[in-house]
N, C-alpha and C. Protein backbone atom coordinates (compact mmCIF):
# COMPACT_ATOMS: atom_id res chain seq x y z
N MET A 1 68.88 119.40 96.88
CA MET A 1 67.62 119.74 96.28
C MET A 1 67.78 121.09 95.59
N ASN A 2 67.33 121.18 94.36
CA ASN A 2 67.41 122.42 93.59
C ASN A 2 66.14 123.23 93.79
N ARG A 3 66.28 124.52 93.84
CA ARG A 3 65.13 125.42 93.91
C ARG A 3 65.23 126.41 92.75
N ASP A 4 65.10 125.88 91.53
CA ASP A 4 65.24 126.70 90.33
C ASP A 4 63.86 127.04 89.76
N SER A 5 63.79 128.21 89.14
CA SER A 5 62.57 128.62 88.46
C SER A 5 62.96 129.61 87.37
N GLY A 6 62.76 129.23 86.12
CA GLY A 6 63.13 130.11 85.02
C GLY A 6 64.62 130.37 85.02
N SER A 7 65.01 131.65 85.07
CA SER A 7 66.43 131.99 85.09
C SER A 7 66.96 132.10 86.52
N PHE A 8 66.08 131.94 87.51
CA PHE A 8 66.49 132.00 88.92
C PHE A 8 67.12 130.68 89.32
N ARG A 9 68.28 130.75 89.93
CA ARG A 9 68.94 129.55 90.42
C ARG A 9 69.00 129.63 91.93
N GLY A 10 68.27 128.74 92.58
CA GLY A 10 68.19 128.74 94.04
C GLY A 10 69.37 128.04 94.67
N LYS A 11 69.36 128.02 96.01
CA LYS A 11 70.43 127.36 96.75
C LYS A 11 70.26 125.85 96.67
N ARG A 12 71.39 125.15 96.69
CA ARG A 12 71.38 123.69 96.70
C ARG A 12 71.55 123.20 98.12
N ARG A 13 70.91 122.09 98.43
CA ARG A 13 71.02 121.50 99.75
C ARG A 13 71.18 120.00 99.64
N ILE A 14 71.78 119.43 100.67
CA ILE A 14 71.84 117.98 100.77
C ILE A 14 70.53 117.56 101.42
N GLY A 15 69.80 116.69 100.76
CA GLY A 15 68.49 116.32 101.28
C GLY A 15 68.44 114.95 101.92
N GLY A 16 69.38 114.08 101.62
CA GLY A 16 69.30 112.71 102.10
C GLY A 16 70.05 112.48 103.39
N GLY A 17 69.68 111.42 104.07
CA GLY A 17 70.38 111.02 105.28
C GLY A 17 69.88 111.74 106.52
N ARG A 18 70.38 111.29 107.65
CA ARG A 18 69.99 111.88 108.93
C ARG A 18 70.88 113.09 109.22
N LYS A 19 70.27 114.16 109.68
CA LYS A 19 71.01 115.40 109.91
C LYS A 19 72.14 115.24 110.93
N PRO A 20 71.94 114.56 112.07
CA PRO A 20 73.07 114.41 113.00
C PRO A 20 74.27 113.70 112.37
N VAL A 21 74.00 112.71 111.54
CA VAL A 21 75.10 112.00 110.86
C VAL A 21 75.78 112.93 109.87
N ARG A 22 74.99 113.70 109.12
CA ARG A 22 75.58 114.66 108.17
C ARG A 22 76.43 115.69 108.89
N ASP A 23 75.97 116.16 110.04
CA ASP A 23 76.74 117.15 110.81
C ASP A 23 78.09 116.57 111.24
N VAL A 24 78.08 115.34 111.74
CA VAL A 24 79.32 114.70 112.17
C VAL A 24 80.24 114.47 110.98
N MET A 25 79.68 114.03 109.87
CA MET A 25 80.49 113.77 108.68
C MET A 25 81.08 115.06 108.12
N TYR A 26 80.34 116.16 108.21
CA TYR A 26 80.86 117.45 107.75
C TYR A 26 82.11 117.83 108.54
N MET A 27 82.02 117.75 109.87
CA MET A 27 83.17 118.12 110.70
C MET A 27 84.34 117.16 110.47
N ALA A 28 84.04 115.88 110.29
CA ALA A 28 85.11 114.91 110.00
C ALA A 28 85.78 115.23 108.67
N ALA A 29 85.01 115.66 107.69
CA ALA A 29 85.57 116.01 106.38
C ALA A 29 86.46 117.25 106.48
N VAL A 30 86.03 118.24 107.25
CA VAL A 30 86.83 119.46 107.43
C VAL A 30 88.17 119.11 108.08
N VAL A 31 88.13 118.28 109.11
CA VAL A 31 89.36 117.87 109.79
C VAL A 31 90.24 117.04 108.85
N ALA A 32 89.62 116.13 108.09
CA ALA A 32 90.38 115.29 107.17
C ALA A 32 91.08 116.12 106.10
N ILE A 33 90.39 117.15 105.60
CA ILE A 33 91.00 118.01 104.58
C ILE A 33 92.21 118.73 105.15
N ARG A 34 92.14 119.07 106.41
CA ARG A 34 93.25 119.81 107.02
C ARG A 34 94.43 118.91 107.39
N TRP A 35 94.17 117.69 107.85
CA TRP A 35 95.23 116.88 108.42
C TRP A 35 95.59 115.63 107.63
N ASN A 36 94.74 115.17 106.73
CA ASN A 36 95.03 113.96 105.96
C ASN A 36 95.45 114.37 104.55
N LYS A 37 96.68 114.04 104.19
CA LYS A 37 97.21 114.51 102.90
C LYS A 37 96.44 113.94 101.71
N ASP A 38 95.95 112.70 101.82
CA ASP A 38 95.20 112.11 100.70
C ASP A 38 93.86 112.82 100.51
N MET A 39 93.16 113.08 101.61
CA MET A 39 91.87 113.77 101.52
C MET A 39 92.07 115.22 101.07
N ALA A 40 93.15 115.85 101.53
CA ALA A 40 93.44 117.22 101.12
C ALA A 40 93.71 117.28 99.61
N ALA A 41 94.46 116.30 99.11
CA ALA A 41 94.76 116.27 97.68
C ALA A 41 93.49 116.02 96.87
N PHE A 42 92.61 115.14 97.36
CA PHE A 42 91.34 114.86 96.69
C PHE A 42 90.48 116.12 96.64
N TYR A 43 90.41 116.83 97.78
CA TYR A 43 89.62 118.06 97.85
C TYR A 43 90.19 119.13 96.91
N GLN A 44 91.50 119.30 96.92
CA GLN A 44 92.12 120.30 96.05
C GLN A 44 91.92 119.97 94.57
N ARG A 45 91.96 118.69 94.23
CA ARG A 45 91.72 118.28 92.85
C ARG A 45 90.31 118.66 92.41
N LEU A 46 89.33 118.45 93.29
CA LEU A 46 87.95 118.82 92.97
C LEU A 46 87.80 120.33 92.83
N LYS A 47 88.42 121.09 93.74
CA LYS A 47 88.33 122.55 93.68
C LYS A 47 89.00 123.08 92.42
N LYS A 48 90.13 122.48 92.06
CA LYS A 48 90.83 122.91 90.85
C LYS A 48 90.01 122.62 89.59
N ALA A 49 89.18 121.58 89.67
CA ALA A 49 88.31 121.23 88.54
C ALA A 49 87.08 122.14 88.47
N GLY A 50 86.98 123.08 89.41
CA GLY A 50 85.89 124.05 89.37
C GLY A 50 84.67 123.67 90.18
N LYS A 51 84.78 122.65 91.03
CA LYS A 51 83.64 122.25 91.84
C LYS A 51 83.43 123.25 92.97
N PRO A 52 82.17 123.56 93.29
CA PRO A 52 81.89 124.45 94.43
C PRO A 52 82.28 123.78 95.75
N PHE A 53 82.41 124.60 96.79
CA PHE A 53 82.81 124.12 98.11
C PHE A 53 81.90 123.00 98.59
N LYS A 54 80.59 123.19 98.49
CA LYS A 54 79.65 122.19 99.01
C LYS A 54 79.77 120.86 98.28
N VAL A 55 79.99 120.91 96.99
CA VAL A 55 80.14 119.67 96.21
C VAL A 55 81.42 118.96 96.63
N ALA A 56 82.50 119.71 96.77
CA ALA A 56 83.79 119.11 97.12
C ALA A 56 83.76 118.54 98.54
N ILE A 57 83.18 119.26 99.48
CA ILE A 57 83.14 118.77 100.87
C ILE A 57 82.23 117.56 100.98
N THR A 58 81.15 117.54 100.21
CA THR A 58 80.25 116.39 100.22
C THR A 58 80.94 115.16 99.64
N ALA A 59 81.77 115.35 98.63
CA ALA A 59 82.53 114.24 98.05
C ALA A 59 83.51 113.67 99.07
N VAL A 60 84.14 114.55 99.86
CA VAL A 60 85.06 114.09 100.90
C VAL A 60 84.27 113.33 101.98
N MET A 61 83.10 113.84 102.34
CA MET A 61 82.25 113.15 103.32
C MET A 61 81.93 111.74 102.84
N ARG A 62 81.55 111.63 101.59
CA ARG A 62 81.20 110.31 101.03
C ARG A 62 82.42 109.39 101.02
N LYS A 63 83.57 109.94 100.66
CA LYS A 63 84.80 109.13 100.63
C LYS A 63 85.12 108.61 102.04
N LEU A 64 84.93 109.45 103.06
CA LEU A 64 85.17 109.01 104.43
C LEU A 64 84.20 107.91 104.85
N LEU A 65 82.93 108.05 104.46
CA LEU A 65 81.95 107.01 104.78
C LEU A 65 82.30 105.68 104.13
N ILE A 66 82.70 105.72 102.88
CA ILE A 66 83.08 104.49 102.18
C ILE A 66 84.30 103.86 102.85
N LEU A 67 85.26 104.70 103.23
CA LEU A 67 86.46 104.21 103.91
C LEU A 67 86.09 103.56 105.24
N ALA A 68 85.23 104.21 106.03
CA ALA A 68 84.81 103.66 107.32
C ALA A 68 84.07 102.34 107.15
N ASN A 69 83.18 102.27 106.18
CA ASN A 69 82.45 101.02 105.93
C ASN A 69 83.39 99.90 105.51
N THR A 70 84.38 100.22 104.69
CA THR A 70 85.34 99.21 104.25
C THR A 70 86.17 98.71 105.42
N LEU A 71 86.64 99.63 106.26
CA LEU A 71 87.44 99.23 107.42
C LEU A 71 86.63 98.35 108.37
N LEU A 72 85.37 98.69 108.59
CA LEU A 72 84.52 97.89 109.48
C LEU A 72 84.23 96.52 108.89
N SER A 73 83.92 96.47 107.61
CA SER A 73 83.55 95.19 107.00
C SER A 73 84.74 94.24 106.91
N GLU A 74 85.95 94.79 106.76
CA GLU A 74 87.15 93.96 106.67
C GLU A 74 87.85 93.80 108.02
N ASN A 75 87.26 94.38 109.07
CA ASN A 75 87.79 94.30 110.43
C ASN A 75 89.26 94.74 110.48
N ARG A 76 89.53 95.90 109.87
CA ARG A 76 90.88 96.46 109.82
C ARG A 76 90.92 97.77 110.59
N LEU A 77 92.12 98.15 110.99
CA LEU A 77 92.35 99.46 111.60
C LEU A 77 92.88 100.41 110.54
N TRP A 78 92.67 101.70 110.77
CA TRP A 78 93.15 102.72 109.84
C TRP A 78 94.67 102.78 109.87
N SER A 79 95.27 102.89 108.70
CA SER A 79 96.70 103.06 108.58
C SER A 79 96.95 104.09 107.48
N GLU A 80 97.84 105.03 107.75
CA GLU A 80 98.14 106.07 106.76
C GLU A 80 98.77 105.47 105.50
N THR A 81 99.55 104.41 105.69
CA THR A 81 100.19 103.77 104.54
C THR A 81 99.36 102.58 104.07
N GLN A 82 99.49 102.26 102.80
CA GLN A 82 98.76 101.12 102.24
C GLN A 82 99.40 99.82 102.72
N PRO A 83 98.58 98.80 103.03
CA PRO A 83 99.17 97.52 103.49
C PRO A 83 99.81 96.75 102.35
């Protein structure tokens, strides 16, 4: 949510979703950036493109959610290598 007025630029916040889920996803994204080379490369690519920390971490959170939903819907286990 933007809190802008005239030339004043307010802080941005994530407004959607349940807070407990967002909290868990944030910590999962931080861990994934540190230990998963694909997520770390994705995060670094966003940062190099000039994205702010919150935008980049939120993109990693979303990528993790999509990955989890895909694994559940296809009844697969996580594997570092592609099948």
